[in-house]
C-alpha atoms as a PDB file:
ATOM      1  CA  MET A   1      35.679 236.680 110.614  1.00  0.00           C
ATOM      2  CA  ASN A   2      38.872 237.485 112.494  1.00  0.00           C
ATOM      3  CA  THR A   3      41.963 237.917 110.356  1.00  0.00           C
ATOM      4  CA  PHE A   4      45.342 237.071 111.795  1.00  0.00           C
ATOM      5  CA  PRO A   5      48.828 237.843 110.467  1.00  0.00           C
ATOM      6  CA  GLU A   6      50.548 235.342 108.192  1.00  0.00           C
ATOM      7  CA  ILE A   7      53.938 236.100 109.762  1.00  0.00           C
ATOM      8  CA  ILE A   8      54.186 236.074 113.554  1.00  0.00           C
ATOM      9  CA  PRO A   9      56.895 236.198 116.231  1.00  0.00           C
ATOM     10  CA  VAL A  10      57.167 232.997 118.231  1.00  0.00           C
ATOM     11  CA  PHE A  11      58.137 232.316 121.813  1.00  0.00           C
ATOM     12  CA  PRO A  12      59.500 228.738 122.025  1.00  0.00           C
ATOM     13  CA  LEU A  13      58.844 227.506 125.548  1.00  0.00           C
ATOM     14  CA  SER A  14      59.601 223.920 126.470  1.00  0.00           C
ATOM     15  CA  ASN A  15      56.908 221.837 128.186  1.00  0.00           C
ATOM     16  CA  PHE A  16      54.379 224.643 127.816  1.00  0.00           C
ATOM     17  CA  ILE A  17      51.257 224.828 125.679  1.00  0.00           C
ATOM     18  CA  LEU A  18      48.623 227.507 125.220  1.00  0.00           C
ATOM     19  CA  PHE A  19      45.050 226.782 124.130  1.00  0.00           C
ATOM     20  CA  PRO A  20      42.489 229.101 122.532  1.00  0.00           C
ATOM     21  CA  ASN A  21      40.319 230.940 125.093  1.00  0.00           C
ATOM     22  CA  THR A  22      42.766 230.129 127.888  1.00  0.00           C
ATOM     23  CA  ALA A  23      44.838 232.871 129.552  1.00  0.00           C
ATOM     24  CA  VAL A  24      48.260 232.329 131.125  1.00  0.00           C
ATOM     25  CA  PRO A  25      50.726 234.614 132.945  1.00  0.00           C
ATOM     26  CA  LEU A  26      54.286 234.870 131.618  1.00  0.00           C
ATOM     27  CA  ASN A  27      57.416 236.324 133.193  1.00  0.00           C
ATOM     28  CA  ILE A  28      59.596 237.755 130.403  1.00  0.00           C
ATOM     29  CA  PHE A  29      63.238 238.466 131.192  1.00  0.00           C
ATOM     30  CA  GLU A  30      65.456 237.357 128.274  1.00  0.00           C
ATOM     31  CA  PRO A  31      66.525 240.397 126.169  1.00  0.00           C
ATOM     32  CA  ARG A  32      65.319 238.917 122.858  1.00  0.00           C
ATOM     33  CA  TYR A  33      61.858 238.217 124.280  1.00  0.00           C
ATOM     34  CA  LEU A  34      61.708 241.637 125.923  1.00  0.00           C
ATOM     35  CA  ASP A  35      62.289 242.978 122.400  1.00  0.00           C
ATOM     36  CA  MET A  36      59.570 240.689 121.059  1.00  0.00           C
ATOM     37  CA  VAL A  37      57.017 241.876 123.614  1.00  0.00           C
ATOM     38  CA  ASN A  38      57.999 245.498 122.983  1.00  0.00           C
ATOM     39  CA  ASP A  39      57.477 245.096 119.238  1.00  0.00           C
ATOM     40  CA  SER A  40      54.226 243.225 119.780  1.00  0.00           C
ATOM     41  CA  MET A  41      52.838 245.906 122.112  1.00  0.00           C
ATOM     42  CA  LYS A  42      53.530 248.508 119.405  1.00  0.00           C
ATOM     43  CA  SER A  43      51.582 246.558 116.790  1.00  0.00           C
ATOM     44  CA  ASP A  44      48.875 243.892 117.209  1.00  0.00           C
ATOM     45  CA  LYS A  45      49.877 242.448 120.633  1.00  0.00           C
ATOM     46  CA  LEU A  46      50.019 238.957 119.076  1.00  0.00           C
ATOM     47  CA  ILE A  47      52.651 236.336 119.908  1.00  0.00           C
ATOM     48  CA  GLY A  48      52.835 232.686 118.894  1.00  0.00           C
ATOM     49  CA  MET A  49      53.522 230.152 121.650  1.00  0.00           C
ATOM     50  CA  ILE A  50      55.172 226.938 120.501  1.00  0.00           C
ATOM     51  CA  GLN A  51      57.209 224.089 121.935  1.00  0.00           C
ATOM     52  CA  PRO A  52      60.806 223.495 120.799  1.00  0.00           C
ATOM     53  CA  LYS A  53      61.822 219.923 120.086  1.00  0.00           C
ATOM     54  CA  ASN A  54      64.485 218.374 122.277  1.00  0.00           C
ATOM     55  CA  SER A  55      67.915 218.659 120.701  1.00  0.00           C
ATOM     56  CA  LYS A  56      70.928 216.391 121.123  1.00  0.00           C
ATOM     57  CA  TYR A  57      73.172 219.413 120.670  1.00  0.00           C
ATOM     58  CA  GLU A  58      73.359 221.843 123.559  1.00  0.00           C
ATOM     59  CA  ASN A  59      74.025 225.056 121.597  1.00  0.00           C
ATOM     60  CA  ALA A  60      71.969 224.235 118.510  1.00  0.00           C
ATOM     61  CA  ILE A  61      68.961 226.368 117.592  1.00  0.00           C
ATOM     62  CA  PRO A  62      66.094 224.021 118.486  1.00  0.00           C
ATOM     63  CA  LYS A  63      63.681 222.872 115.835  1.00  0.00           C
ATOM     64  CA  LEU A  64      60.075 223.765 116.529  1.00  0.00           C
ATOM     65  CA  TYR A  65      56.956 221.624 116.514  1.00  0.00           C
ATOM     66  CA  ASP A  66      54.671 222.305 113.564  1.00  0.00           C
ATOM     67  CA  VAL A  67      51.644 223.402 115.621  1.00  0.00           C
ATOM     68  CA  GLY A  68      51.394 226.187 118.207  1.00  0.00           C
ATOM     69  CA  CYS A  69      48.828 228.708 119.436  1.00  0.00           C
ATOM     70  CA  LEU A  70      48.579 232.410 118.723  1.00  0.00           C
ATOM     71  CA  GLY A  71      48.041 234.496 121.838  1.00  0.00           C
ATOM     72  CA  LYS A  72      47.142 238.129 122.459  1.00  0.00           C
ATOM     73  CA  ILE A  73      48.672 240.182 125.264  1.00  0.00           C
ATOM     74  CA  ILE A  74      45.752 241.235 127.472  1.00  0.00           C
ATOM     75  CA  SER A  75      47.770 242.459 130.457  1.00  0.00           C
ATOM     76  CA  PHE A  76      51.202 244.109 130.630  1.00  0.00           C
ATOM     77  CA  LYS A  77      53.313 245.316 133.531  1.00  0.00           C
ATOM     78  CA  GLU A  78      56.990 246.261 133.768  1.00  0.00           C
ATOM     79  CA  THR A  79      58.831 245.440 136.998  1.00  0.00           C
ATOM     80  CA  GLU A  80      61.470 247.581 138.684  1.00  0.00           C
ATOM     81  CA  ASP A  81      64.203 245.176 137.579  1.00  0.00           C
ATOM     82  CA  GLY A  82      63.195 245.401 133.904  1.00  0.00           C
ATOM     83  CA  ARG A  83      61.121 242.243 133.497  1.00  0.00           C
ATOM     84  CA  TYR A  84      57.738 242.174 131.790  1.00  0.00           C
ATOM     85  CA  LEU A  85      54.805 240.430 133.452  1.00  0.00           C
ATOM     86  CA  ILE A  86      52.236 239.728 130.778  1.00  0.00           C
ATOM     87  CA  GLU A  87      49.053 237.728 130.461  1.00  0.00           C
ATOM     88  CA  LEU A  88      48.528 235.991 127.151  1.00  0.00           C
ATOM     89  CA  LYS A  89      45.131 234.784 125.956  1.00  0.00           C
ATOM     90  CA  GLY A  90      44.994 232.048 123.334  1.00  0.00           C
ATOM     91  CA  LYS A  91      43.166 232.949 120.115  1.00  0.00           C
ATOM     92  CA  ILE A  92      43.701 230.222 117.494  1.00  0.00           C
ATOM     93  CA  ARG A  93      46.107 227.385 116.788  1.00  0.00           C
ATOM     94  CA  PHE A  94      48.406 227.614 113.787  1.00  0.00           C
ATOM     95  CA  GLN A  95      50.650 225.433 111.651  1.00  0.00           C
ATOM     96  CA  ILE A  96      54.133 226.646 110.730  1.00  0.00           C
ATOM     97  CA  LEU A  97      54.849 226.794 107.007  1.00  0.00           C
ATOM     98  CA  ASN A  98      58.316 228.363 107.028  1.00  0.00           C
ATOM     99  CA  GLU A  99      60.723 230.174 109.296  1.00  0.00           C
ATOM    100  CA  ILE A 100      61.427 233.741 108.168  1.00  0.00           C
ATOM    101  CA  ASN A 101      64.901 235.294 108.344  1.00  0.00           C
ATOM    102  CA  THR A 102      64.784 238.782 109.854  1.00  0.00           C
ATOM    103  CA  ASP A 103      67.142 241.155 111.648  1.00  0.00           C
ATOM    104  CA  LYS A 104      65.274 240.495 114.915  1.00  0.00           C
ATOM    105  CA  LYS A 105      66.854 238.580 117.810  1.00  0.00           C
ATOM    106  CA  TYR A 106      63.694 236.478 118.161  1.00  0.00           C
ATOM    107  CA  ARG A 107      62.276 234.021 115.657  1.00  0.00           C
ATOM    108  CA  ASN A 108      59.518 234.757 113.133  1.00  0.00           C
ATOM    109  CA  VAL A 109      57.516 232.208 111.184  1.00  0.00           C
ATOM    110  CA  GLU A 110      54.991 232.096 108.367  1.00  0.00           C
ATOM    111  CA  VAL A 111      51.859 230.302 109.529  1.00  0.00           C
ATOM    112  CA  ASN A 112      48.529 228.946 108.342  1.00  0.00           C
ATOM    113  CA  TYR A 113      45.347 228.792 110.461  1.00  0.00           C
ATOM    114  CA  ASN A 114      43.068 226.838 108.097  1.00  0.00           C
ATOM    115  CA  ASP A 115      43.042 223.556 110.054  1.00  0.00           C
ATOM    116  CA  TYR A 116      41.981 225.310 113.267  1.00  0.00           C
ATOM    117  CA  LEU A 117      39.250 227.765 112.249  1.00  0.00           C
ATOM    118  CA  ASP A 118      36.862 225.946 114.629  1.00  0.00           C
ATOM    119  CA  ASP A 119      38.881 227.507 117.472  1.00  0.00           C
ATOM    120  CA  LEU A 120      37.076 230.764 116.654  1.00  0.00           C
ATOM    121  CA  THR A 121      33.535 229.411 117.080  1.00  0.00           C
ATOM    122  CA  ASP A 122      31.582 229.772 120.304  1.00  0.00           C
ATOM    123  CA  GLU A 123      29.732 226.485 119.828  1.00  0.00           C
ATOM    124  CA  LYS A 124      29.799 224.417 123.008  1.00  0.00           C
ATOM    125  CA  GLU A 125      30.760 220.784 122.673  1.00  0.00           C
ATOM    126  CA  LYS A 126      28.439 218.272 124.300  1.00  0.00           C
ATOM    127  CA  LEU A 127      30.429 216.776 127.138  1.00  0.00           C
ATOM    128  CA  ASN A 128      29.461 216.382 130.765  1.00  0.00           C
ATOM    129  CA  PHE A 129      31.554 216.549 133.889  1.00  0.00           C
ATOM    130  CA  SER A 130      30.589 212.920 134.463  1.00  0.00           C
ATOM    131  CA  ASP A 131      32.821 212.188 131.447  1.00  0.00           C
ATOM    132  CA  LEU A 132      35.733 213.472 133.482  1.00  0.00           C
ATOM    133  CA  GLU A 133      35.190 211.661 136.771  1.00  0.00           C
ATOM    134  CA  LEU A 134      37.719 208.896 136.103  1.00  0.00           C
ATOM    135  CA  ILE A 135      40.133 211.321 134.458  1.00  0.00           C
ATOM    136  CA  PHE A 136      39.901 213.630 137.487  1.00  0.00           C
ATOM    137  CA  LYS A 137      40.581 210.723 139.834  1.00  0.00           C
ATOM    138  CA  ASP A 138      43.695 209.610 137.960  1.00  0.00           C
ATOM    139  CA  LEU A 139      44.869 213.176 137.399  1.00  0.00           C
ATOM    140  CA  LYS A 140      44.557 214.024 141.087  1.00  0.00           C
ATOM    141  CA  SER A 141      46.660 210.984 141.950  1.00  0.00           C
ATOM    142  CA  LEU A 142      49.294 211.881 139.373  1.00  0.00           C
ATOM    143  CA  PHE A 143      49.384 215.564 140.330  1.00  0.00           C
ATOM    144  CA  GLU A 144      49.791 214.668 144.002  1.00  0.00           C
ATOM    145  CA  LYS A 145      52.644 212.250 143.252  1.00  0.00           C
ATOM    146  CA  LYS A 146      54.420 214.934 141.211  1.00  0.00           C
ATOM    147  CA  GLY A 147      53.857 217.587 143.879  1.00  0.00           C
ATOM    148  CA  PHE A 148      51.496 219.680 141.758  1.00  0.00           C
ATOM    149  CA  ILE A 149      48.816 221.692 143.549  1.00  0.00           C
ATOM    150  CA  ILE A 150      45.520 222.262 141.732  1.00  0.00           C
ATOM    151  CA  ASN A 151      42.371 224.021 142.960  1.00  0.00           C
ATOM    152  CA  TRP A 152      39.948 221.345 141.772  1.00  0.00           C
ATOM    153  CA  LYS A 153      36.810 223.068 143.097  1.00  0.00           C
ATOM    154  CA  ALA A 154      37.686 226.210 141.140  1.00  0.00           C
ATOM    155  CA  LEU A 155      38.218 224.111 138.016  1.00  0.00           C
ATOM    156  CA  GLU A 156      34.744 222.586 138.270  1.00  0.00           C
ATOM    157  CA  LYS A 157      33.221 226.078 138.133  1.00  0.00           C
ATOM    158  CA  GLN A 158      34.762 226.655 134.701  1.00  0.00           C
ATOM    159  CA  SER A 159      33.356 225.476 131.410  1.00  0.00           C
ATOM    160  CA  LEU A 160      34.294 221.948 130.433  1.00  0.00           C
ATOM    161  CA  SER A 161      36.585 223.116 127.630  1.00  0.00           C
ATOM    162  CA  GLU A 162      38.381 225.526 129.974  1.00  0.00           C
ATOM    163  CA  THR A 163      38.799 222.739 132.531  1.00  0.00           C
ATOM    164  CA  ILE A 164      40.208 220.193 130.097  1.00  0.00           C
ATOM    165  CA  ASN A 165      42.553 222.728 128.519  1.00  0.00           C
ATOM    166  CA  ALA A 166      43.733 224.035 131.901  1.00  0.00           C
ATOM    167  CA  LEU A 167      44.501 220.477 133.053  1.00  0.00           C
ATOM    168  CA  ALA A 168      46.344 219.726 129.816  1.00  0.00           C
ATOM    169  CA  MET A 169      48.439 222.895 130.205  1.00  0.00           C
ATOM    170  CA  ALA A 170      49.233 222.341 133.883  1.00  0.00           C
ATOM    171  CA  SER A 171      49.805 218.600 133.688  1.00  0.00           C
ATOM    172  CA  PRO A 172      53.176 216.973 134.451  1.00  0.00           C
ATOM    173  CA  PHE A 173      53.094 215.288 131.039  1.00  0.00           C
ATOM    174  CA  SER A 174      56.088 215.197 128.694  1.00  0.00           C
ATOM    175  CA  ILE A 175      56.720 217.693 125.883  1.00  0.00           C
ATOM    176  CA  GLU A 176      55.584 215.117 123.326  1.00  0.00           C
ATOM    177  CA  GLU A 177      52.417 214.283 125.267  1.00  0.00           C
ATOM    178  CA  LYS A 178      51.473 217.943 125.651  1.00  0.00           C
ATOM    179  CA  GLN A 179      51.994 218.440 121.930  1.00  0.00           C
ATOM    180  CA  ILE A 180      49.597 215.568 121.210  1.00  0.00           C
ATOM    181  CA  LEU A 181      46.968 217.317 123.362  1.00  0.00           C
ATOM    182  CA  LEU A 182      47.530 220.656 121.622  1.00  0.00           C
ATOM    183  CA  GLU A 183      47.123 219.108 118.180  1.00  0.00           C
ATOM    184  CA  ALA A 184      43.953 217.185 119.112  1.00  0.00           C
ATOM    185  CA  LYS A 185      41.293 218.437 116.711  1.00  0.00           C
ATOM    186  CA  ASN A 186      38.514 218.931 119.257  1.00  0.00           C
ATOM    187  CA  LEU A 187      37.607 218.637 122.924  1.00  0.00           C
ATOM    188  CA  GLU A 188      36.314 215.059 122.693  1.00  0.00           C
ATOM    189  CA  ILE A 189      39.591 213.873 121.144  1.00  0.00           C
ATOM    190  CA  ARG A 190      41.634 215.851 123.686  1.00  0.00           C
ATOM    191  CA  LYS A 191      39.684 214.325 126.576  1.00  0.00           C
ATOM    192  CA  ASN A 192      40.312 210.822 125.216  1.00  0.00           C
ATOM    193  CA  LYS A 193      44.007 211.549 124.667  1.00  0.00           C
ATOM    194  CA  ILE A 194      44.359 212.703 128.287  1.00  0.00           C
ATOM    195  CA  ALA A 195      42.751 209.439 129.404  1.00  0.00           C
ATOM    196  CA  GLU A 196      45.119 207.397 127.185  1.00  0.00           C
ATOM    197  CA  ILE A 197      48.197 209.222 128.486  1.00  0.00           C
ATOM    198  CA  LEU A 198      47.025 208.823 132.070  1.00  0.00           C
ATOM    199  CA  LYS A 199      46.745 205.047 131.609  1.00  0.00           C
ATOM    200  CA  THR A 200      50.486 204.861 130.895  1.00  0.00           C
ATOM    201  CA  TYR A 201      51.260 206.819 134.081  1.00  0.00           C
ATOM    202  CA  VAL A 202      48.900 204.706 136.170  1.00  0.00           C
ATOM    203  CA  PHE A 203      50.517 201.547 134.800  1.00  0.00           C
ATOM    204  CA  ASP A 204      54.020 202.853 135.536  1.00  0.00           C
ATOM    205  CA  ASN A 205      53.088 203.896 139.053  1.00  0.00           C
ATOM    206  CA  TYR A 206      51.051 200.914 140.164  1.00  0.00           C
ATOM    207  CA  GLU A 207      51.785 197.925 137.952  1.00  0.00           C
ATOM    208  CA  ASN A 208      55.399 198.119 136.875  1.00  0.00           C
ATOM    209  CA  THR A 209      57.330 197.493 140.076  1.00  0.00           C
ATOM    210  CA  THR A 210      60.681 197.737 138.313  1.00  0.00           C
ATOM    211  CA  LEU A 211      60.267 201.511 138.032  1.00  0.00           C
ATOM    212  CA  GLN A 212      61.574 203.605 140.896  1.00  0.00           C
END
């Protein structure tokens, strides 16, 4: 079985989630996160992605959600102006136990993976694309209203889990809603949560005429 470190660096990124077996590009330019990527490239290439909670105080260090996803750097390129362009592939979700004080500019946390060991299995969950027809219809409408552009035909060529996770990551949902999707135990629950969230958007857009 894969073993992962108990203490990891984390990259708090608002309104962004990473799922296991899903790869995302990142543009790194802040000095502390350049340091983090540098250190990671010299060791295990692992970085934790997690959402910060909204804070009432502008300069306060944001609290973090309890659950994030560990990712591995699978592509790295340095630009002429000193930025890093990396691709991060999700490995396994984690739960934060404690934040660790270090001399680093970036944050480090102690984590536990026990609740998400199923992320490491290759077993395919039994869902069909027919399960997604209504979700796709409502998502397309929402994405179009928000100005999001999605290559739907390309999505349908992916596995169902990749499709659902990609839509959850790219969706114009709120921070809290994306966190709910990340913490969903399995694909069936995540699919149902997307449908529930979509119902609130459909209601707001079509039924509640007081909303602008």
